[in-house]
């Protein structure tokens, strides 16, 4: 076996569906970032590679490449690259197994390239780009850059940053906002993914950059619960969603988080697939349309919503466990009880 072919194969913490393979030696041909940086408009160079594989194609016994994580030195490669790949594979598993969505196939055959950079302004960036080094028919790539690694020390911030950029890379784009960003799928991603992570019963710190799971749950409660309250207690009228401000984005994110907490996850994913454009005003109709063919489900409102009037997209379905107070456009309003609600 040649040096180029030597990989250390590691089972990821996501289960048998995914696998991490880390190269033991530097790349013989240095990988250059597709993005060129000031002041000389030159790419950064990366010598180290870690790959994340997943069994996404049921027609094949071979796993498919879903992530390439590039590092600029061995130390980052040995520590941060593995943790980054494992967490990304865990988020991919949620997308694929629960939401029933995968990466865009027209970008590197559904692979996302991640560049762990020493330089740049602290934070991250996601870009759909062209890669001169890409092999095959297409040079289109889906890329994530994490900048100024020395400044990124807090484990919780590492989780948030990666979830945010992976939201841009993997979730359907809804946008048109002036602030805090044009597209909402980054902020949706960090809250959607971190909410899901916080609910995992066997989550350990080594799965989330050594972050204490209790801190993650505290962040979700502080950040996401107010948004869910906003999404649940306001009828999802277009007027709340079509503005360009952060308040309008928060209405959209709160509505999607509320749906995450009450719907089967594949129904939430179906909502995303039914979006015909990038316009958030289509979201309420897409949610109601996603109910078509939904199997029966049972859910319990979170304690902070009990006793409040909340809106549910079950106007054309039968529910038990609560009294319908009003109906509007496929949505119903109820007073959230402590006991479970069943949808038939």
Protein backbone atom coordinates (compact mmCIF):
# COMPACT_ATOMS: atom_id res chain seq x y z
CA UNK A 1 0.00 0.00 0.00
CA UNK A 2 1.44 3.38 -1.00
CA UNK A 3 1.79 6.32 1.38
CA UNK A 4 -0.94 8.12 -0.53
CA UNK A 5 -3.36 5.29 0.18
CA UNK A 6 -2.64 4.91 3.88
CA UNK A 7 -5.56 6.03 6.04
CA UNK A 8 -6.36 5.53 9.68
CA UNK A 9 -9.97 4.30 9.65
CA UNK A 10 -11.99 5.32 12.69
CA UNK A 11 -15.59 4.51 13.46
CA UNK A 12 -17.33 7.76 14.17
CA UNK A 13 -19.52 8.36 17.18
CA UNK A 14 -22.57 8.60 14.93
CA UNK A 15 -22.96 4.85 14.59
CA UNK A 16 -22.34 2.38 11.78
CA UNK A 17 -23.90 4.72 9.20
CA UNK A 18 -20.78 6.88 9.12
CA UNK A 19 -17.02 6.50 9.19
CA UNK A 20 -13.99 8.78 9.60
CA UNK A 21 -10.81 8.14 7.64
CA UNK A 22 -7.79 10.23 8.52
CA UNK A 23 -4.67 10.35 6.40
CA UNK A 24 -1.47 9.64 8.35
CA UNK A 25 0.90 11.49 6.00
CA UNK A 26 0.76 14.92 4.38
CA UNK A 27 -0.79 15.26 0.95
CA UNK A 28 1.73 14.82 -1.84
CA UNK A 29 -0.02 17.59 -3.77
CA UNK A 30 -0.89 20.49 -1.48
CA UNK A 31 -4.59 21.41 -1.49
CA UNK A 32 -5.22 25.05 -2.27
CA UNK A 33 -8.42 26.72 -1.12
CA UNK A 34 -10.76 27.76 -3.95
CA UNK A 35 -11.13 31.13 -2.24
CA UNK A 36 -8.30 33.63 -2.66
CA UNK A 37 -7.46 35.94 0.21
CA UNK A 38 -6.09 39.47 0.59
CA UNK A 39 -3.72 41.18 0.45
CA UNK A 40 -2.18 39.18 -2.42
CA UNK A 41 -5.33 37.39 -3.59
CA UNK A 42 -3.73 34.00 -3.09
CA UNK A 43 -5.30 30.78 -1.76
CA UNK A 44 -4.37 29.25 1.57
CA UNK A 45 -2.53 25.93 1.39
CA UNK A 46 -3.47 22.74 3.24
CA UNK A 47 -1.33 19.61 3.65
CA UNK A 48 -3.54 17.41 5.82
CA UNK A 49 -6.79 15.61 5.01
CA UNK A 50 -9.51 13.87 7.02
CA UNK A 51 -12.50 12.35 5.23
CA UNK A 52 -16.03 11.60 6.43
CA UNK A 53 -17.95 8.78 4.75
CA UNK A 54 -21.60 7.78 5.00
CA UNK A 55 -23.81 4.97 3.68
CA UNK A 56 -26.21 7.24 1.84
CA UNK A 57 -26.82 5.12 -1.28
CA UNK A 58 -28.71 1.97 -0.35
CA UNK A 59 -27.87 0.50 -3.76
CA UNK A 60 -24.18 0.35 -2.83
CA UNK A 61 -22.33 -1.45 -0.06
CA UNK A 62 -19.53 1.11 -0.28
CA UNK A 63 -19.76 4.29 1.83
CA UNK A 64 -19.90 7.62 0.01
CA UNK A 65 -17.70 10.64 0.67
CA UNK A 66 -19.66 13.42 2.38
CA UNK A 67 -16.91 15.58 3.96
CA UNK A 68 -13.29 16.47 3.33
CA UNK A 69 -11.71 18.39 6.20
CA UNK A 70 -8.41 20.09 5.36
CA UNK A 71 -5.92 21.32 7.97
CA UNK A 72 -2.75 23.38 7.67
CA UNK A 73 -0.63 21.55 10.27
CA UNK A 74 -0.37 18.17 11.95
CA UNK A 75 -1.50 19.39 15.39
CA UNK A 76 -4.85 20.66 14.12
CA UNK A 77 -5.09 17.59 11.90
CA UNK A 78 -4.61 15.24 14.85
CA UNK A 79 -7.10 16.92 17.17
CA UNK A 80 -9.55 19.35 15.66
CA UNK A 81 -9.96 17.66 12.26
CA UNK A 82 -11.25 14.43 13.76
CA UNK A 83 -13.67 16.21 16.08
CA UNK A 84 -14.90 18.43 13.24
CA UNK A 85 -15.51 15.48 10.93
CA UNK A 86 -17.28 13.44 13.60
CA UNK A 87 -19.61 16.29 14.52
CA UNK A 88 -20.39 17.04 10.87
CA UNK A 89 -21.19 13.38 10.27
CA UNK A 90 -23.49 13.45 13.28
CA UNK A 91 -25.32 16.49 11.85
CA UNK A 92 -25.42 14.82 8.43
CA UNK A 93 -27.04 11.77 10.05
CA UNK A 94 -29.79 13.99 11.46
CA UNK A 95 -30.38 15.55 8.05
CA UNK A 96 -30.32 12.24 6.22
CA UNK A 97 -32.05 9.87 8.65
CA UNK A 98 -34.54 12.27 10.25
CA UNK A 99 -35.21 15.12 7.80
CA UNK A 100 -34.60 12.90 4.73
CA UNK A 101 -32.36 15.45 3.01
CA UNK A 102 -28.79 15.17 1.72
CA UNK A 103 -26.14 17.50 0.32
CA UNK A 104 -26.64 19.04 -3.12
CA UNK A 105 -25.56 16.35 -5.62
CA UNK A 106 -24.29 18.84 -8.22
CA UNK A 107 -21.51 20.01 -5.88
CA UNK A 108 -18.63 17.50 -5.68
CA UNK A 109 -21.08 14.58 -5.72
CA UNK A 110 -22.64 15.69 -2.44
CA UNK A 111 -19.33 16.27 -0.65
CA UNK A 112 -18.74 19.36 1.52
CA UNK A 113 -15.15 20.63 1.78
CA UNK A 114 -14.13 22.20 5.10
CA UNK A 115 -10.99 24.34 5.48
CA UNK A 116 -9.59 24.90 8.99
CA UNK A 117 -7.59 28.13 8.66
CA UNK A 118 -5.12 29.89 10.95
CA UNK A 119 -5.61 33.31 9.34
CA UNK A 120 -8.67 35.40 8.52
CA UNK A 121 -11.17 37.23 10.69
CA UNK A 122 -12.51 35.08 13.55
CA UNK A 123 -15.60 33.13 12.55
CA UNK A 124 -16.71 31.10 9.58
CA UNK A 125 -17.98 31.33 6.02
CA UNK A 126 -19.80 29.04 3.60
CA UNK A 127 -19.53 29.41 -0.18
CA UNK A 128 -20.65 27.59 -3.28
CA UNK A 129 -17.56 27.99 -5.44
CA UNK A 130 -15.41 26.70 -8.30
CA UNK A 131 -12.32 24.63 -7.46
CA UNK A 132 -9.52 24.50 -10.08
CA UNK A 133 -8.14 21.37 -8.39
CA UNK A 134 -11.45 19.48 -8.49
CA UNK A 135 -11.38 16.20 -10.38
CA UNK A 136 -14.18 14.90 -12.55
CA UNK A 137 -16.81 16.50 -14.74
CA UNK A 138 -17.63 19.45 -12.48
CA UNK A 139 -15.49 21.86 -10.49
CA UNK A 140 -18.46 23.15 -8.47
CA UNK A 141 -17.81 22.80 -4.74
CA UNK A 142 -19.69 23.37 -1.48
CA UNK A 143 -17.16 24.85 0.95
CA UNK A 144 -16.95 25.85 4.62
CA UNK A 145 -14.10 27.96 6.02
CA UNK A 146 -13.39 28.24 9.74
CA UNK A 147 -11.02 31.18 10.30
CA UNK A 148 -8.47 32.22 12.94
CA UNK A 149 -8.36 28.91 14.79
CA UNK A 150 -6.26 30.25 17.70
CA UNK A 151 -9.13 32.57 18.64
CA UNK A 152 -11.73 29.80 18.61
CA UNK A 153 -11.14 28.37 22.07
CA UNK A 154 -14.58 28.02 23.68
CA UNK A 155 -16.00 24.53 22.94
CA UNK A 156 -19.59 25.78 22.79
CA UNK A 157 -18.61 28.46 20.27
CA UNK A 158 -16.92 25.81 18.11
CA UNK A 159 -20.16 23.82 18.08
CA UNK A 160 -22.25 26.89 17.27
CA UNK A 161 -19.94 28.07 14.49
CA UNK A 162 -19.84 24.69 12.79
CA UNK A 163 -23.62 24.22 13.09
CA UNK A 164 -24.15 27.70 11.63
CA UNK A 165 -21.98 27.14 8.56
CA UNK A 166 -23.31 23.63 8.01
CA UNK A 167 -26.79 25.14 8.03
CA UNK A 168 -25.73 27.29 5.07
CA UNK A 169 -24.20 24.26 3.36
CA UNK A 170 -27.04 21.79 3.82
CA UNK A 171 -30.41 23.41 4.58
CA UNK A 172 -32.68 24.99 1.95
CA UNK A 173 -32.05 28.70 1.60
CA UNK A 174 -34.69 31.15 2.75
CA UNK A 175 -33.61 34.75 2.57
CA UNK A 176 -33.94 38.34 1.53
CA UNK A 177 -32.98 39.81 4.92
CA UNK A 178 -30.92 42.94 5.49
CA UNK A 179 -29.63 41.69 8.85
CA UNK A 180 -28.11 39.87 10.53
CA UNK A 181 -27.45 37.99 7.24
CA UNK A 182 -29.13 37.79 3.86
CA UNK A 183 -29.81 34.04 4.22
CA UNK A 184 -31.48 32.56 7.29
CA UNK A 185 -30.32 28.96 6.95
CA UNK A 186 -27.14 29.59 8.94
CA UNK A 187 -28.95 30.87 12.03
CA UNK A 188 -31.65 28.24 11.50
CA UNK A 189 -28.96 25.57 11.28
CA UNK A 190 -27.23 26.49 14.52
CA UNK A 191 -30.51 26.46 16.45
CA UNK A 192 -32.06 23.45 14.69
CA UNK A 193 -28.94 21.29 15.01
CA UNK A 194 -28.04 22.36 18.55
CA UNK A 195 -31.63 21.77 19.70
CA UNK A 196 -31.44 18.26 18.27
CA UNK A 197 -28.02 17.61 19.79
CA UNK A 198 -29.23 18.75 23.22
CA UNK A 199 -32.04 16.19 23.10
CA UNK A 200 -29.76 13.21 22.43
CA UNK A 201 -29.84 10.97 25.53
CA UNK A 202 -26.28 9.65 25.25
CA UNK A 203 -24.56 12.84 24.13
CA UNK A 204 -21.06 13.15 25.58
CA UNK A 205 -18.59 16.02 25.58
CA UNK A 206 -16.16 14.27 23.22
CA UNK A 207 -18.85 14.36 20.53
CA UNK A 208 -19.15 18.17 20.68
CA UNK A 209 -15.60 19.58 20.89
CA UNK A 210 -15.34 18.66 24.60
CA UNK A 211 -18.25 20.96 25.43
CA UNK A 212 -20.21 20.09 28.57
CA UNK A 213 -23.64 18.84 27.36
CA UNK A 214 -25.21 20.78 30.25
CA UNK A 215 -23.85 24.02 28.77
CA UNK A 216 -25.28 23.09 25.38
CA UNK A 217 -28.72 22.48 26.92
CA UNK A 218 -28.50 25.78 28.78
CA UNK A 219 -27.66 27.60 25.53
CA UNK A 220 -30.61 25.98 23.75
CA UNK A 221 -33.00 26.91 26.57
CA UNK A 222 -31.82 30.52 26.64
CA UNK A 223 -31.60 31.02 22.86
CA UNK A 224 -34.24 28.78 21.31
CA UNK A 225 -37.13 28.72 23.78
CA UNK A 226 -38.00 32.43 23.29
CA UNK A 227 -37.99 31.88 19.52
CA UNK A 228 -40.21 28.81 19.81
CA UNK A 229 -42.63 30.83 21.96
CA UNK A 230 -42.69 33.50 19.23
CA UNK A 231 -43.31 30.87 16.53
CA UNK A 232 -45.99 29.03 18.50
CA UNK A 233 -48.08 31.88 19.87
CA UNK A 234 -48.31 34.04 16.74
CA UNK A 235 -50.47 33.01 13.83
CA UNK A 236 -47.94 32.49 10.99
CA UNK A 237 -49.21 35.37 8.89
CA UNK A 238 -47.17 36.71 6.00
CA UNK A 239 -46.74 40.05 7.77
CA UNK A 240 -44.48 38.43 10.36
CA UNK A 241 -42.27 36.72 7.79
CA UNK A 242 -41.77 39.04 4.83
CA UNK A 243 -39.77 41.85 6.45
CA UNK A 244 -36.03 42.24 6.01
CA UNK A 245 -35.14 42.72 9.67
CA UNK A 246 -33.72 40.32 12.24
CA UNK A 247 -37.16 40.29 13.85
CA UNK A 248 -38.67 38.81 10.68
CA UNK A 249 -35.89 36.22 10.50
CA UNK A 250 -36.55 35.30 14.12
CA UNK A 251 -40.24 34.75 13.34
CA UNK A 252 -39.24 32.34 10.57
CA UNK A 253 -36.68 30.51 12.72
CA UNK A 254 -39.10 30.35 15.66
CA UNK A 255 -41.79 28.86 13.45
CA UNK A 256 -39.40 26.19 12.12
CA UNK A 257 -38.17 25.36 15.64
CA UNK A 258 -41.77 25.04 16.79
CA UNK A 259 -42.40 22.61 13.93
CA UNK A 260 -39.26 20.67 14.89
CA UNK A 261 -40.63 20.22 18.39
CA UNK A 262 -44.10 18.94 17.37
CA UNK A 263 -43.84 17.28 13.94
CA UNK A 264 -42.27 14.02 12.83
CA UNK A 265 -38.84 15.09 11.59
CA UNK A 266 -39.41 13.76 8.08
CA UNK A 267 -42.48 16.03 7.86
CA UNK A 268 -40.28 18.99 8.78
CA UNK A 269 -37.88 17.92 6.04
CA UNK A 270 -40.77 17.62 3.61
CA UNK A 271 -41.69 21.21 4.44
CA UNK A 272 -38.21 22.29 3.36
CA UNK A 273 -38.49 20.36 0.11
CA UNK A 274 -41.87 21.92 -0.71
CA UNK A 275 -40.46 25.46 -0.68
CA UNK A 276 -40.65 26.58 -4.32
CA UNK A 277 -38.62 29.78 -3.92
CA UNK A 278 -36.38 31.47 -1.37
CA UNK A 279 -39.24 33.64 -0.11
CA UNK A 280 -40.17 33.09 3.58
CA UNK A 281 -43.81 34.03 2.89
CA UNK A 282 -44.25 30.55 1.39
CA UNK A 283 -43.32 28.78 4.61
CA UNK A 284 -46.79 28.55 6.30
CA UNK A 285 -48.36 27.05 3.16
CA UNK A 286 -45.47 24.62 2.73
CA UNK A 287 -45.91 23.46 6.34
CA UNK A 288 -49.63 22.81 5.85
CA UNK A 289 -49.01 21.02 2.55
CA UNK A 290 -46.42 18.82 4.24
CA UNK A 291 -49.21 17.46 6.46
CA UNK A 292 -50.67 15.65 3.44
CA UNK A 293 -50.01 11.96 3.97
CA UNK A 294 -48.45 12.47 7.40
CA UNK A 295 -48.77 9.49 9.69
CA UNK A 296 -50.45 9.92 13.06
CA UNK A 297 -48.27 11.41 15.77
CA UNK A 298 -48.43 12.38 19.43
CA UNK A 299 -46.57 15.23 21.09
CA UNK A 300 -46.57 17.19 24.34
CA UNK A 301 -46.20 20.96 24.46
CA UNK A 302 -43.09 22.13 26.33
CA UNK A 303 -43.77 23.33 29.89
CA UNK A 304 -43.10 27.00 29.06
CA UNK A 305 -46.02 26.94 26.57
CA UNK A 306 -48.58 25.19 28.77
CA UNK A 307 -51.62 27.42 29.25
CA UNK A 308 -50.72 29.64 26.28
CA UNK A 309 -52.67 29.86 23.04
CA UNK A 310 -50.58 28.22 20.32
CA UNK A 311 -51.02 27.64 16.58
CA UNK A 312 -50.72 24.22 14.95
CA UNK A 313 -50.78 23.26 11.22
CA UNK A 314 -53.50 20.64 11.70
CA UNK A 315 -56.52 22.47 10.31
CA UNK A 316 -57.35 19.62 7.93
CA UNK A 317 -56.57 16.83 10.39
CA UNK A 318 -58.26 15.42 13.47
CA UNK A 319 -56.71 16.05 16.87
CA UNK A 320 -57.50 14.77 20.34
CA UNK A 321 -56.35 16.08 23.69
CA UNK A 322 -57.20 19.75 23.15
CA UNK A 323 -60.14 21.93 22.13
CA UNK A 324 -59.86 23.93 18.92
CA UNK A 325 -60.47 27.61 19.67
CA UNK A 326 -60.24 28.93 16.09
CA UNK A 327 -59.19 27.98 12.56
CA UNK A 328 -57.42 29.96 9.86
CA UNK A 329 -55.93 28.77 6.56
CA UNK A 330 -55.10 25.21 7.58
CA UNK A 331 -53.98 26.29 11.06
CA UNK A 332 -55.77 25.81 14.37
CA UNK A 333 -55.42 27.62 17.67
CA UNK A 334 -55.59 25.74 20.98
CA UNK A 335 -54.65 26.32 24.61
CA UNK A 336 -51.60 24.12 25.13
CA UNK A 337 -52.35 21.44 27.75
CA UNK A 338 -49.96 19.56 30.02
CA UNK A 339 -51.16 16.28 28.58
CA UNK A 340 -50.23 14.80 25.16
CA UNK A 341 -51.97 15.85 21.93
CA UNK A 342 -52.63 13.24 19.26
CA UNK A 343 -52.95 13.99 15.54
CA UNK A 344 -54.83 11.46 13.42
